[in-house]
C-alpha atoms as a PDB file:
ATOM      1  CA  UNK A   1      14.310 -16.505  -1.602  1.00  0.00           C
ATOM      2  CA  UNK A   2      14.026 -20.232  -0.861  1.00  0.00           C
ATOM      3  CA  UNK A   3      16.775 -22.761  -0.180  1.00  0.00           C
ATOM      4  CA  UNK A   4      16.495 -26.169  -1.871  1.00  0.00           C
ATOM      5  CA  UNK A   5      18.562 -27.954   0.763  1.00  0.00           C
ATOM      6  CA  UNK A   6      16.111 -30.654   1.905  1.00  0.00           C
ATOM      7  CA  UNK A   7      16.107 -29.339   5.477  1.00  0.00           C
ATOM      8  CA  UNK A   8      12.625 -27.889   6.127  1.00  0.00           C
ATOM      9  CA  UNK A   9      13.230 -28.029   9.879  1.00  0.00           C
ATOM     10  CA  UNK A  10      15.478 -24.953   9.576  1.00  0.00           C
ATOM     11  CA  UNK A  11      12.580 -22.647   8.717  1.00  0.00           C
ATOM     12  CA  UNK A  12       9.847 -21.732   6.269  1.00  0.00           C
ATOM     13  CA  UNK A  13      12.243 -20.750   3.485  1.00  0.00           C
ATOM     14  CA  UNK A  14      14.038 -24.124   3.479  1.00  0.00           C
ATOM     15  CA  UNK A  15      12.430 -26.565   1.024  1.00  0.00           C
ATOM     16  CA  UNK A  16      11.943 -30.276   1.542  1.00  0.00           C
ATOM     17  CA  UNK A  17      13.869 -31.327  -1.588  1.00  0.00           C
ATOM     18  CA  UNK A  18      17.269 -30.833  -3.195  1.00  0.00           C
ATOM     19  CA  UNK A  19      18.253 -30.114  -6.791  1.00  0.00           C
ATOM     20  CA  UNK A  20      19.880 -32.934  -8.679  1.00  0.00           C
ATOM     21  CA  UNK A  21      23.288 -31.868 -10.020  1.00  0.00           C
ATOM     22  CA  UNK A  22      24.122 -32.599 -13.665  1.00  0.00           C
ATOM     23  CA  UNK A  23      20.527 -32.673 -14.919  1.00  0.00           C
ATOM     24  CA  UNK A  24      17.615 -30.331 -15.610  1.00  0.00           C
ATOM     25  CA  UNK A  25      15.493 -29.573 -12.531  1.00  0.00           C
ATOM     26  CA  UNK A  26      11.821 -28.653 -12.914  1.00  0.00           C
ATOM     27  CA  UNK A  27      10.273 -26.540 -10.111  1.00  0.00           C
ATOM     28  CA  UNK A  28       6.573 -25.703  -9.984  1.00  0.00           C
ATOM     29  CA  UNK A  29       4.714 -23.237  -7.797  1.00  0.00           C
ATOM     30  CA  UNK A  30       1.148 -24.324  -6.995  1.00  0.00           C
ATOM     31  CA  UNK A  31      -1.765 -22.606  -5.328  1.00  0.00           C
ATOM     32  CA  UNK A  32      -2.862 -23.478  -1.794  1.00  0.00           C
ATOM     33  CA  UNK A  33      -5.256 -26.106  -3.174  1.00  0.00           C
ATOM     34  CA  UNK A  34      -2.276 -28.067  -4.516  1.00  0.00           C
ATOM     35  CA  UNK A  35      -3.815 -28.352  -8.002  1.00  0.00           C
ATOM     36  CA  UNK A  36      -3.643 -24.943  -9.705  1.00  0.00           C
ATOM     37  CA  UNK A  37      -0.196 -24.304 -11.203  1.00  0.00           C
ATOM     38  CA  UNK A  38       0.860 -20.685 -10.762  1.00  0.00           C
ATOM     39  CA  UNK A  39       4.293 -20.732 -12.373  1.00  0.00           C
ATOM     40  CA  UNK A  40       7.066 -23.171 -13.272  1.00  0.00           C
ATOM     41  CA  UNK A  41      10.733 -23.151 -14.217  1.00  0.00           C
ATOM     42  CA  UNK A  42      13.202 -25.675 -15.600  1.00  0.00           C
ATOM     43  CA  UNK A  43      16.705 -24.982 -14.320  1.00  0.00           C
ATOM     44  CA  UNK A  44      19.236 -26.151 -16.938  1.00  0.00           C
ATOM     45  CA  UNK A  45      21.905 -28.645 -16.002  1.00  0.00           C
ATOM     46  CA  UNK A  46      24.560 -26.352 -17.490  1.00  0.00           C
ATOM     47  CA  UNK A  47      24.026 -23.727 -14.787  1.00  0.00           C
ATOM     48  CA  UNK A  48      27.377 -23.035 -13.145  1.00  0.00           C
ATOM     49  CA  UNK A  49      28.110 -22.117  -9.550  1.00  0.00           C
ATOM     50  CA  UNK A  50      27.683 -18.493  -8.385  1.00  0.00           C
ATOM     51  CA  UNK A  51      25.254 -17.788 -11.236  1.00  0.00           C
ATOM     52  CA  UNK A  52      21.501 -17.324 -11.325  1.00  0.00           C
ATOM     53  CA  UNK A  53      18.713 -18.237 -13.729  1.00  0.00           C
ATOM     54  CA  UNK A  54      16.223 -15.375 -13.979  1.00  0.00           C
ATOM     55  CA  UNK A  55      13.570 -13.926 -16.246  1.00  0.00           C
ATOM     56  CA  UNK A  56      14.644 -11.203 -18.640  1.00  0.00           C
ATOM     57  CA  UNK A  57      11.503  -9.193 -17.807  1.00  0.00           C
ATOM     58  CA  UNK A  58       9.761  -9.482 -14.453  1.00  0.00           C
ATOM     59  CA  UNK A  59       6.692 -11.710 -14.690  1.00  0.00           C
ATOM     60  CA  UNK A  60       6.737 -11.899 -18.496  1.00  0.00           C
ATOM     61  CA  UNK A  61       7.155 -14.997 -20.644  1.00  0.00           C
ATOM     62  CA  UNK A  62       6.978 -18.670 -19.845  1.00  0.00           C
ATOM     63  CA  UNK A  63       9.288 -20.349 -22.369  1.00  0.00           C
ATOM     64  CA  UNK A  64      13.012 -20.929 -22.186  1.00  0.00           C
ATOM     65  CA  UNK A  65      13.646 -17.858 -24.355  1.00  0.00           C
ATOM     66  CA  UNK A  66      12.211 -15.649 -21.583  1.00  0.00           C
ATOM     67  CA  UNK A  67      14.969 -16.736 -19.176  1.00  0.00           C
ATOM     68  CA  UNK A  68      18.661 -16.000 -19.049  1.00  0.00           C
ATOM     69  CA  UNK A  69      21.733 -16.881 -17.012  1.00  0.00           C
ATOM     70  CA  UNK A  70      23.194 -14.066 -14.945  1.00  0.00           C
ATOM     71  CA  UNK A  71      26.759 -14.090 -13.691  1.00  0.00           C
ATOM     72  CA  UNK A  72      26.789 -10.891 -11.608  1.00  0.00           C
ATOM     73  CA  UNK A  73      28.388  -8.593 -14.192  1.00  0.00           C
ATOM     74  CA  UNK A  74      27.342  -4.992 -14.793  1.00  0.00           C
ATOM     75  CA  UNK A  75      24.762  -5.950 -17.419  1.00  0.00           C
ATOM     76  CA  UNK A  76      23.781  -9.329 -16.015  1.00  0.00           C
ATOM     77  CA  UNK A  77      23.615  -8.353 -12.342  1.00  0.00           C
ATOM     78  CA  UNK A  78      22.083 -10.556  -9.673  1.00  0.00           C
ATOM     79  CA  UNK A  79      19.279  -9.148  -7.496  1.00  0.00           C
ATOM     80  CA  UNK A  80      18.226 -11.591  -4.767  1.00  0.00           C
ATOM     81  CA  UNK A  81      14.982 -10.695  -2.952  1.00  0.00           C
ATOM     82  CA  UNK A  82      14.336  -7.906  -5.475  1.00  0.00           C
ATOM     83  CA  UNK A  83      13.095  -7.275  -9.008  1.00  0.00           C
ATOM     84  CA  UNK A  84      15.159  -8.687 -11.859  1.00  0.00           C
ATOM     85  CA  UNK A  85      15.420  -5.222 -13.419  1.00  0.00           C
ATOM     86  CA  UNK A  86      16.302  -2.323 -11.146  1.00  0.00           C
ATOM     87  CA  UNK A  87      15.152   1.071 -12.397  1.00  0.00           C
ATOM     88  CA  UNK A  88      17.745   3.639 -11.351  1.00  0.00           C
ATOM     89  CA  UNK A  89      16.405   6.518 -13.463  1.00  0.00           C
ATOM     90  CA  UNK A  90      13.180   8.487 -13.494  1.00  0.00           C
ATOM     91  CA  UNK A  91      12.081  10.355 -16.598  1.00  0.00           C
ATOM     92  CA  UNK A  92      10.075  12.935 -14.620  1.00  0.00           C
ATOM     93  CA  UNK A  93      13.002  13.692 -12.320  1.00  0.00           C
ATOM     94  CA  UNK A  94      15.377  14.024 -15.253  1.00  0.00           C
ATOM     95  CA  UNK A  95      12.961  16.325 -17.102  1.00  0.00           C
ATOM     96  CA  UNK A  96      12.551  18.481 -13.992  1.00  0.00           C
ATOM     97  CA  UNK A  97      16.326  18.671 -13.590  1.00  0.00           C
ATOM     98  CA  UNK A  98      16.705  19.841 -17.189  1.00  0.00           C
ATOM     99  CA  UNK A  99      13.990  22.485 -17.047  1.00  0.00           C
ATOM    100  CA  UNK A 100      14.809  23.714 -13.510  1.00  0.00           C
ATOM    101  CA  UNK A 101      18.498  23.150 -12.958  1.00  0.00           C
ATOM    102  CA  UNK A 102      18.874  25.698 -10.138  1.00  0.00           C
ATOM    103  CA  UNK A 103      15.750  24.617  -8.241  1.00  0.00           C
ATOM    104  CA  UNK A 104      13.892  27.955  -8.329  1.00  0.00           C
ATOM    105  CA  UNK A 105      10.704  26.359  -9.620  1.00  0.00           C
ATOM    106  CA  UNK A 106      10.842  23.685  -6.938  1.00  0.00           C
ATOM    107  CA  UNK A 107      11.332  26.337  -4.243  1.00  0.00           C
ATOM    108  CA  UNK A 108       8.416  28.422  -5.491  1.00  0.00           C
ATOM    109  CA  UNK A 109       6.219  25.339  -5.724  1.00  0.00           C
ATOM    110  CA  UNK A 110       7.105  24.268  -2.183  1.00  0.00           C
ATOM    111  CA  UNK A 111       6.427  27.768  -0.806  1.00  0.00           C
ATOM    112  CA  UNK A 112       3.062  27.900  -2.579  1.00  0.00           C
ATOM    113  CA  UNK A 113       2.088  24.552  -1.099  1.00  0.00           C
ATOM    114  CA  UNK A 114       3.123  25.611   2.414  1.00  0.00           C
ATOM    115  CA  UNK A 115       1.352  28.975   2.285  1.00  0.00           C
ATOM    116  CA  UNK A 116      -1.756  27.397   0.757  1.00  0.00           C
ATOM    117  CA  UNK A 117      -1.842  24.892   3.620  1.00  0.00           C
ATOM    118  CA  UNK A 118      -1.418  27.694   6.185  1.00  0.00           C
ATOM    119  CA  UNK A 119      -4.204  29.711   4.538  1.00  0.00           C
ATOM    120  CA  UNK A 120      -6.486  26.682   4.579  1.00  0.00           C
ATOM    121  CA  UNK A 121      -5.716  26.059   8.266  1.00  0.00           C
ATOM    122  CA  UNK A 122      -6.364  29.698   9.171  1.00  0.00           C
ATOM    123  CA  UNK A 123      -9.716  29.599   7.380  1.00  0.00           C
ATOM    124  CA  UNK A 124     -10.617  26.394   9.183  1.00  0.00           C
ATOM    125  CA  UNK A 125      -9.708  27.835  12.590  1.00  0.00           C
ATOM    126  CA  UNK A 126     -11.604  31.050  11.825  1.00  0.00           C
ATOM    127  CA  UNK A 127     -14.685  29.099  10.819  1.00  0.00           C
ATOM    128  CA  UNK A 128     -14.468  26.903  13.927  1.00  0.00           C
ATOM    129  CA  UNK A 129     -14.154  29.956  16.179  1.00  0.00           C
ATOM    130  CA  UNK A 130     -17.159  31.610  14.522  1.00  0.00           C
ATOM    131  CA  UNK A 131     -19.210  28.453  14.913  1.00  0.00           C
ATOM    132  CA  UNK A 132     -18.173  28.179  18.585  1.00  0.00           C
ATOM    133  CA  UNK A 133     -19.085  31.822  19.218  1.00  0.00           C
ATOM    134  CA  UNK A 134     -22.440  31.307  17.525  1.00  0.00           C
ATOM    135  CA  UNK A 135     -23.178  28.247  19.646  1.00  0.00           C
ATOM    136  CA  UNK A 136     -22.155  30.083  22.834  1.00  0.00           C
ATOM    137  CA  UNK A 137     -24.357  33.041  21.927  1.00  0.00           C
ATOM    138  CA  UNK A 138     -27.287  30.746  21.218  1.00  0.00           C
ATOM    139  CA  UNK A 139     -26.901  28.932  24.543  1.00  0.00           C
ATOM    140  CA  UNK A 140     -26.656  32.234  26.411  1.00  0.00           C
ATOM    141  CA  UNK A 141     -29.783  33.561  24.738  1.00  0.00           C
ATOM    142  CA  UNK A 142     -31.608  30.331  25.483  1.00  0.00           C
ATOM    143  CA  UNK A 143     -30.648  30.491  29.175  1.00  0.00           C
ATOM    144  CA  UNK A 144     -31.925  34.084  29.420  1.00  0.00           C
ATOM    145  CA  UNK A 145     -35.094  33.362  27.492  1.00  0.00           C
ATOM    146  CA  UNK A 146     -34.163  35.777  24.704  1.00  0.00           C
ATOM    147  CA  UNK A 147     -33.805  35.415  21.001  1.00  0.00           C
ATOM    148  CA  UNK A 148     -30.374  35.042  19.492  1.00  0.00           C
ATOM    149  CA  UNK A 149     -30.671  38.305  17.615  1.00  0.00           C
ATOM    150  CA  UNK A 150     -31.300  40.169  20.877  1.00  0.00           C
ATOM    151  CA  UNK A 151     -27.724  39.418  21.941  1.00  0.00           C
ATOM    152  CA  UNK A 152     -26.216  41.058  18.888  1.00  0.00           C
ATOM    153  CA  UNK A 153     -24.106  44.144  19.400  1.00  0.00           C
ATOM    154  CA  UNK A 154     -26.617  46.563  17.998  1.00  0.00           C
ATOM    155  CA  UNK A 155     -29.501  45.035  19.980  1.00  0.00           C
ATOM    156  CA  UNK A 156     -27.685  44.257  23.251  1.00  0.00           C
ATOM    157  CA  UNK A 157     -29.871  44.964  26.289  1.00  0.00           C
ATOM    158  CA  UNK A 158     -28.854  47.924  28.459  1.00  0.00           C
ATOM    159  CA  UNK A 159     -28.380  45.777  31.576  1.00  0.00           C
ATOM    160  CA  UNK A 160     -25.980  43.470  29.755  1.00  0.00           C
ATOM    161  CA  UNK A 161     -23.448  46.026  28.587  1.00  0.00           C
ATOM    162  CA  UNK A 162     -19.733  45.359  28.891  1.00  0.00           C
ATOM    163  CA  UNK A 163     -19.120  48.422  31.061  1.00  0.00           C
ATOM    164  CA  UNK A 164     -21.587  47.332  33.743  1.00  0.00           C
ATOM    165  CA  UNK A 165     -20.230  43.784  33.794  1.00  0.00           C
ATOM    166  CA  UNK A 166     -16.683  45.124  34.239  1.00  0.00           C
ATOM    167  CA  UNK A 167     -17.828  47.424  37.073  1.00  0.00           C
ATOM    168  CA  UNK A 168     -19.594  44.570  38.894  1.00  0.00           C
ATOM    169  CA  UNK A 169     -16.552  42.332  38.578  1.00  0.00           C
ATOM    170  CA  UNK A 170     -14.220  45.045  39.924  1.00  0.00           C
ATOM    171  CA  UNK A 171     -16.581  45.726  42.852  1.00  0.00           C
ATOM    172  CA  UNK A 172     -16.668  42.045  43.763  1.00  0.00           C
ATOM    173  CA  UNK A 173     -12.895  41.835  43.540  1.00  0.00           C
ATOM    174  CA  UNK A 174     -12.214  44.955  45.619  1.00  0.00           C
ATOM    175  CA  UNK A 175     -14.756  44.464  48.427  1.00  0.00           C
ATOM    176  CA  UNK A 176     -15.173  40.706  48.673  1.00  0.00           C
ATOM    177  CA  UNK A 177     -11.869  39.574  47.163  1.00  0.00           C
ATOM    178  CA  UNK A 178     -13.741  37.333  44.728  1.00  0.00           C
ATOM    179  CA  UNK A 179     -15.321  37.409  41.317  1.00  0.00           C
ATOM    180  CA  UNK A 180     -18.257  35.877  39.540  1.00  0.00           C
ATOM    181  CA  UNK A 181     -17.991  32.158  38.917  1.00  0.00           C
ATOM    182  CA  UNK A 182     -17.368  31.318  35.296  1.00  0.00           C
ATOM    183  CA  UNK A 183     -16.532  28.017  33.673  1.00  0.00           C
ATOM    184  CA  UNK A 184     -13.586  29.440  31.750  1.00  0.00           C
ATOM    185  CA  UNK A 185     -11.801  31.136  34.686  1.00  0.00           C
ATOM    186  CA  UNK A 186      -9.600  29.329  37.178  1.00  0.00           C
ATOM    187  CA  UNK A 187      -9.391  31.031  40.567  1.00  0.00           C
ATOM    188  CA  UNK A 188      -6.290  30.509  42.692  1.00  0.00           C
ATOM    189  CA  UNK A 189      -6.510  31.906  46.212  1.00  0.00           C
ATOM    190  CA  UNK A 190      -3.285  32.466  48.087  1.00  0.00           C
ATOM    191  CA  UNK A 191      -3.331  30.854  51.530  1.00  0.00           C
ATOM    192  CA  UNK A 192      -1.363  32.788  54.126  1.00  0.00           C
ATOM    193  CA  UNK A 193      -0.121  30.958  57.169  1.00  0.00           C
ATOM    194  CA  UNK A 194       0.788  32.846  60.305  1.00  0.00           C
ATOM    195  CA  UNK A 195       4.357  32.352  61.434  1.00  0.00           C
ATOM    196  CA  UNK A 196       4.922  30.800  64.851  1.00  0.00           C
ATOM    197  CA  UNK A 197       8.325  30.047  66.413  1.00  0.00           C
ATOM    198  CA  UNK A 198       6.857  27.003  68.101  1.00  0.00           C
ATOM    199  CA  UNK A 199       6.443  25.275  64.719  1.00  0.00           C
ATOM    200  CA  UNK A 200       9.765  26.435  63.297  1.00  0.00           C
ATOM    201  CA  UNK A 201      12.309  23.696  62.657  1.00  0.00           C
ATOM    202  CA  UNK A 202      15.333  25.879  63.292  1.00  0.00           C
ATOM    203  CA  UNK A 203      14.661  25.812  67.031  1.00  0.00           C
ATOM    204  CA  UNK A 204      14.444  22.029  67.083  1.00  0.00           C
ATOM    205  CA  UNK A 205      18.120  21.492  66.199  1.00  0.00           C
ATOM    206  CA  UNK A 206      20.591  20.784  68.934  1.00  0.00           C
ATOM    207  CA  UNK A 207      23.442  23.196  69.314  1.00  0.00           C
ATOM    208  CA  UNK A 208      26.970  22.123  70.181  1.00  0.00           C
ATOM    209  CA  UNK A 209      27.768  23.235  73.748  1.00  0.00           C
ATOM    210  CA  UNK A 210      30.321  25.979  74.007  1.00  0.00           C
ATOM    211  CA  UNK A 211      33.340  25.630  76.324  1.00  0.00           C
END
C-alpha cells in the first residue's frame, strides 16, 4: 500500500506526487528500466472519500469494466494489503466434513501416518545398527588378521569365546581392581583421602571463652 502524499522523505511507501482532486488521475507502474509498463489505472474523479477503486478479479482485466468502487459493505468489502477477493471456504474441507462428520476417518488417517513413520524410523535404526555392527566386526577381524566370516557365531575361535572374556575381566577386577581398556567404557576410580584432624576446619574456629 502506497501513499500519494508527495512526501517521499517519510519512507519508501510514500510517493513523490499527489492526486488531483476533482479530475481523473492516471497511475502507471513501470519496470526498473523505466520504460516497460507493467500495469496502469485511471482513478475516476467521482471516487468519494472512504472508498476504494479495485479490480473485480485479482490481476484480471485492464479496461474500466474490470474495476469497481468498493465502499466497505459486506459484498463490496475493502482489503488493504491483501487480495481483492478473500476465499473463506474450501471445497475439500467441506467435502471432508460432509463425509466424515464425527472425525473417525481423520483419526484413523492420523494414526496410520504416525505408526507408519514410527515403523520407518525403527527400520532405519535397525539397519543403521546392523551396518555399525558389520563395520565393527570387519575392523576387529582386520586387526586380528582374520577373515570376517571367522568372527561369526558358528565359526568363533575357541580363545575368543564370551565365557573366557568374562572370566578374564572378572579376574582383573577382583585382583588388580581394574579391567581391560576399551573405547566404549568409562572408568571412574574412587579416590579415598585419609582423615586427619590437623586439616579439619572444625578445629580452626575460635570458641567463646566460658566464664
